Amino acid sequence: MENIFLAKLNNYITSAFEKIAVIRTRQALLTLDDRTLADIGYTRQQVLNGDFFNATDVVDFPAGKLGVEKSAQDNNADEKEAA
């Protein structure tokens, strides 16, 4: 019983995050002009329709394998520059 609840909760949360990703990506892309969209390979119509990525690509993105790790010292230097 508890496993079924957790599985349904997991599906709900995953679905919610996928929808949030689509909405935020669409908002960001809509702020770009048509020429910039064309440079990155999208049309305004694709962005309006939401045809700009595959949802499984976002969910299965290997974020931990990017190899981009900043040390604490680099982070502190970035914060000082921002201030």
N, C-alpha and C. Protein backbone atom coordinates (compact mmCIF):
# COMPACT_ATOMS: atom_id res chain seq x y z
N MET A 1 0.83 -1.20 0.00
CA MET A 1 0.00 0.00 0.00
C MET A 1 0.87 1.26 0.00
N GLU A 2 1.89 1.25 0.86
CA GLU A 2 2.76 2.41 0.95
C GLU A 2 3.59 2.58 -0.32
N ASN A 3 4.02 1.47 -0.91
CA ASN A 3 4.80 1.53 -2.14
C ASN A 3 3.98 2.11 -3.29
N ILE A 4 2.71 1.78 -3.36
CA ILE A 4 1.84 2.31 -4.41
C ILE A 4 1.69 3.81 -4.25
N PHE A 5 1.52 4.25 -3.01
CA PHE A 5 1.40 5.69 -2.76
C PHE A 5 2.67 6.42 -3.16
N LEU A 6 3.83 5.86 -2.79
CA LEU A 6 5.10 6.49 -3.13
C LEU A 6 5.33 6.52 -4.64
N ALA A 7 4.93 5.46 -5.32
CA ALA A 7 5.08 5.42 -6.78
C ALA A 7 4.20 6.48 -7.43
N LYS A 8 2.96 6.61 -6.97
CA LYS A 8 2.07 7.64 -7.53
C LYS A 8 2.59 9.04 -7.22
N LEU A 9 3.10 9.23 -6.01
CA LEU A 9 3.66 10.53 -5.64
C LEU A 9 4.87 10.86 -6.52
N ASN A 10 5.71 9.87 -6.76
CA ASN A 10 6.88 10.06 -7.63
C ASN A 10 6.45 10.44 -9.04
N ASN A 11 5.46 9.76 -9.58
CA ASN A 11 4.96 10.09 -10.93
C ASN A 11 4.40 11.50 -10.98
N TYR A 12 3.67 11.89 -9.95
CA TYR A 12 3.08 13.22 -9.89
C TYR A 12 4.16 14.30 -9.86
N ILE A 13 5.16 14.09 -9.00
CA ILE A 13 6.23 15.08 -8.87
C ILE A 13 7.04 15.17 -10.15
N THR A 14 7.35 14.04 -10.76
CA THR A 14 8.09 14.04 -12.02
C THR A 14 7.32 14.78 -13.10
N SER A 15 6.03 14.52 -13.19
CA SER A 15 5.20 15.19 -14.19
C SER A 15 5.16 16.70 -13.94
N ALA A 16 5.05 17.09 -12.68
CA ALA A 16 5.00 18.51 -12.35
C ALA A 16 6.29 19.20 -12.74
N PHE A 17 7.43 18.57 -12.46
CA PHE A 17 8.71 19.19 -12.82
C PHE A 17 8.90 19.25 -14.33
N GLU A 18 8.41 18.27 -15.06
CA GLU A 18 8.48 18.33 -16.52
C GLU A 18 7.68 19.51 -17.05
N LYS A 19 6.50 19.72 -16.50
CA LYS A 19 5.66 20.84 -16.95
C LYS A 19 6.31 22.17 -16.59
N ILE A 20 6.91 22.25 -15.42
CA ILE A 20 7.59 23.48 -15.02
C ILE A 20 8.76 23.75 -15.96
N ALA A 21 9.50 22.71 -16.32
CA ALA A 21 10.63 22.88 -17.23
C ALA A 21 10.17 23.41 -18.58
N VAL A 22 9.08 22.89 -19.09
CA VAL A 22 8.55 23.34 -20.38
C VAL A 22 8.12 24.80 -20.30
N ILE A 23 7.41 25.15 -19.26
CA ILE A 23 6.90 26.52 -19.12
C ILE A 23 8.05 27.51 -18.99
N ARG A 24 9.03 27.21 -18.16
CA ARG A 24 10.15 28.13 -17.96
C ARG A 24 11.02 28.25 -19.20
N THR A 25 11.22 27.14 -19.89
CA THR A 25 12.01 27.17 -21.12
C THR A 25 11.29 27.99 -22.18
N ARG A 26 9.99 27.80 -22.30
CA ARG A 26 9.21 28.56 -23.27
C ARG A 26 9.28 30.05 -22.95
N GLN A 27 9.13 30.41 -21.68
CA GLN A 27 9.22 31.82 -21.30
C GLN A 27 10.57 32.41 -21.66
N ALA A 28 11.63 31.67 -21.39
CA ALA A 28 12.97 32.17 -21.70
C ALA A 28 13.18 32.32 -23.20
N LEU A 29 12.72 31.33 -23.97
CA LEU A 29 12.90 31.40 -25.42
C LEU A 29 12.05 32.51 -26.05
N LEU A 30 10.89 32.79 -25.49
CA LEU A 30 10.04 33.84 -26.04
C LEU A 30 10.65 35.22 -25.87
N THR A 31 11.59 35.37 -24.94
CA THR A 31 12.22 36.67 -24.76
C THR A 31 13.27 36.94 -25.83
N LEU A 32 13.67 35.91 -26.57
CA LEU A 32 14.67 36.08 -27.62
C LEU A 32 14.03 36.57 -28.92
N ASP A 33 14.81 37.29 -29.71
CA ASP A 33 14.29 37.73 -31.00
C ASP A 33 14.38 36.59 -32.01
N ASP A 34 13.72 36.75 -33.15
CA ASP A 34 13.64 35.68 -34.15
C ASP A 34 15.00 35.28 -34.70
N ARG A 35 15.88 36.24 -34.86
CA ARG A 35 17.21 35.92 -35.40
C ARG A 35 18.00 35.04 -34.42
N THR A 36 17.93 35.35 -33.14
CA THR A 36 18.63 34.54 -32.14
C THR A 36 18.03 33.14 -32.08
N LEU A 37 16.72 33.05 -32.15
CA LEU A 37 16.07 31.74 -32.17
C LEU A 37 16.54 30.93 -33.38
N ALA A 38 16.65 31.58 -34.53
CA ALA A 38 17.12 30.89 -35.73
C ALA A 38 18.56 30.43 -35.56
N ASP A 39 19.38 31.22 -34.88
CA ASP A 39 20.77 30.86 -34.65
C ASP A 39 20.89 29.59 -33.80
N ILE A 40 19.97 29.40 -32.86
CA ILE A 40 20.03 28.19 -32.03
C ILE A 40 19.17 27.06 -32.59
N GLY A 41 18.56 27.30 -33.75
CA GLY A 41 17.87 26.23 -34.46
C GLY A 41 16.39 26.08 -34.19
N TYR A 42 15.75 27.13 -33.71
CA TYR A 42 14.31 27.07 -33.44
C TYR A 42 13.59 28.18 -34.20
N THR A 43 12.31 27.96 -34.43
CA THR A 43 11.46 29.00 -34.99
C THR A 43 10.52 29.49 -33.90
N ARG A 44 9.97 30.65 -34.10
CA ARG A 44 9.01 31.20 -33.13
C ARG A 44 7.82 30.25 -32.98
N GLN A 45 7.38 29.64 -34.09
CA GLN A 45 6.23 28.73 -34.04
C GLN A 45 6.54 27.49 -33.20
N GLN A 46 7.77 26.97 -33.30
CA GLN A 46 8.15 25.82 -32.47
C GLN A 46 8.08 26.17 -30.99
N VAL A 47 8.54 27.35 -30.64
CA VAL A 47 8.52 27.78 -29.24
C VAL A 47 7.08 27.94 -28.77
N LEU A 48 6.24 28.55 -29.60
CA LEU A 48 4.84 28.75 -29.20
C LEU A 48 4.10 27.42 -29.04
N ASN A 49 4.44 26.44 -29.88
CA ASN A 49 3.79 25.13 -29.80
C ASN A 49 4.41 24.23 -28.74
N GLY A 50 5.58 24.58 -28.25
CA GLY A 50 6.26 23.74 -27.28
C GLY A 50 6.99 22.58 -27.91
N ASP A 51 7.30 22.69 -29.21
CA ASP A 51 7.98 21.61 -29.94
C ASP A 51 9.49 21.80 -29.95
N PHE A 52 10.06 22.24 -28.85
CA PHE A 52 11.47 22.56 -28.88
C PHE A 52 12.37 21.57 -28.15
N PHE A 53 11.82 20.55 -27.52
CA PHE A 53 12.65 19.51 -26.93
C PHE A 53 11.81 18.29 -26.60
N ASN A 54 12.50 17.21 -26.32
CA ASN A 54 11.85 15.97 -25.92
C ASN A 54 11.91 15.90 -24.40
N ALA A 55 10.78 15.70 -23.75
CA ALA A 55 10.71 15.71 -22.28
C ALA A 55 11.64 14.67 -21.67
N THR A 56 11.83 13.54 -22.32
CA THR A 56 12.70 12.52 -21.73
C THR A 56 14.16 12.97 -21.75
N ASP A 57 14.52 13.85 -22.67
CA ASP A 57 15.89 14.38 -22.68
C ASP A 57 16.15 15.22 -21.44
N VAL A 58 15.14 15.96 -20.99
CA VAL A 58 15.30 16.79 -19.81
C VAL A 58 15.36 15.93 -18.56
N VAL A 59 14.49 14.95 -18.45
CA VAL A 59 14.44 14.11 -17.26
C VAL A 59 15.69 13.24 -17.15
N ASP A 60 16.19 12.72 -18.27
CA ASP A 60 17.35 11.83 -18.25
C ASP A 60 18.67 12.56 -18.39
N PHE A 61 18.68 13.86 -18.25
CA PHE A 61 19.89 14.65 -18.41
C PHE A 61 20.90 14.28 -17.33
N PRO A 62 22.11 13.90 -17.73
CA PRO A 62 23.11 13.47 -16.74
C PRO A 62 23.82 14.65 -16.09
N ALA A 63 23.13 15.36 -15.23
CA ALA A 63 23.68 16.58 -14.65
C ALA A 63 24.93 16.32 -13.83
N GLY A 64 25.03 15.17 -13.21
CA GLY A 64 26.19 14.89 -12.39
C GLY A 64 27.43 14.55 -13.19
N LYS A 65 27.31 14.35 -14.49
CA LYS A 65 28.43 13.92 -15.31
C LYS A 65 28.98 15.03 -16.19
N LEU A 66 28.68 16.26 -15.88
CA LEU A 66 29.12 17.36 -16.72
C LEU A 66 30.60 17.66 -16.54
N GLY A 67 31.16 17.34 -15.40
CA GLY A 67 32.57 17.60 -15.16
C GLY A 67 32.87 19.05 -14.89
N VAL A 68 31.85 19.84 -14.64
CA VAL A 68 32.05 21.25 -14.34
C VAL A 68 31.88 21.41 -12.84
N GLU A 69 32.99 21.42 -12.16
CA GLU A 69 32.94 21.57 -10.71
C GLU A 69 33.79 22.76 -10.32
N LYS A 70 33.18 23.64 -9.56
CA LYS A 70 33.90 24.81 -9.10
C LYS A 70 34.29 24.59 -7.64
N SER A 71 35.47 25.00 -7.32
CA SER A 71 35.89 24.88 -5.93
C SER A 71 35.23 25.97 -5.11
N ALA A 72 35.28 25.82 -3.81
CA ALA A 72 34.72 26.83 -2.91
C ALA A 72 35.44 28.16 -3.09
N GLN A 73 36.72 28.11 -3.39
CA GLN A 73 37.50 29.33 -3.60
C GLN A 73 37.01 30.07 -4.84
N ASP A 74 36.70 29.35 -5.92
CA ASP A 74 36.17 29.98 -7.13
C ASP A 74 34.83 30.63 -6.86
N ASN A 75 33.98 29.94 -6.08
CA ASN A 75 32.66 30.50 -5.75
C ASN A 75 32.80 31.77 -4.95
N ASN A 76 33.72 31.82 -4.00
CA ASN A 76 33.91 33.02 -3.20
C ASN A 76 34.42 34.17 -4.06
N ALA A 77 35.30 33.88 -5.02
CA ALA A 77 35.82 34.92 -5.90
C ALA A 77 34.70 35.48 -6.77
N ASP A 78 33.81 34.61 -7.26
CA ASP A 78 32.68 35.06 -8.08
C ASP A 78 31.75 35.94 -7.27
N GLU A 79 31.51 35.61 -6.01
CA GLU A 79 30.62 36.41 -5.17
C GLU A 79 31.23 37.78 -4.89
N LYS A 80 32.55 37.83 -4.69
CA LYS A 80 33.21 39.12 -4.43
C LYS A 80 33.14 40.01 -5.66
N GLU A 81 33.28 39.41 -6.86
CA GLU A 81 33.20 40.20 -8.10
C GLU A 81 31.79 40.76 -8.29
N ALA A 82 30.78 39.97 -7.91
CA ALA A 82 29.40 40.40 -8.07
C ALA A 82 29.06 41.55 -7.13
N ALA A 83 29.72 41.61 -6.02
CA ALA A 83 29.42 42.65 -5.01
C ALA A 83 30.04 43.95 -5.36
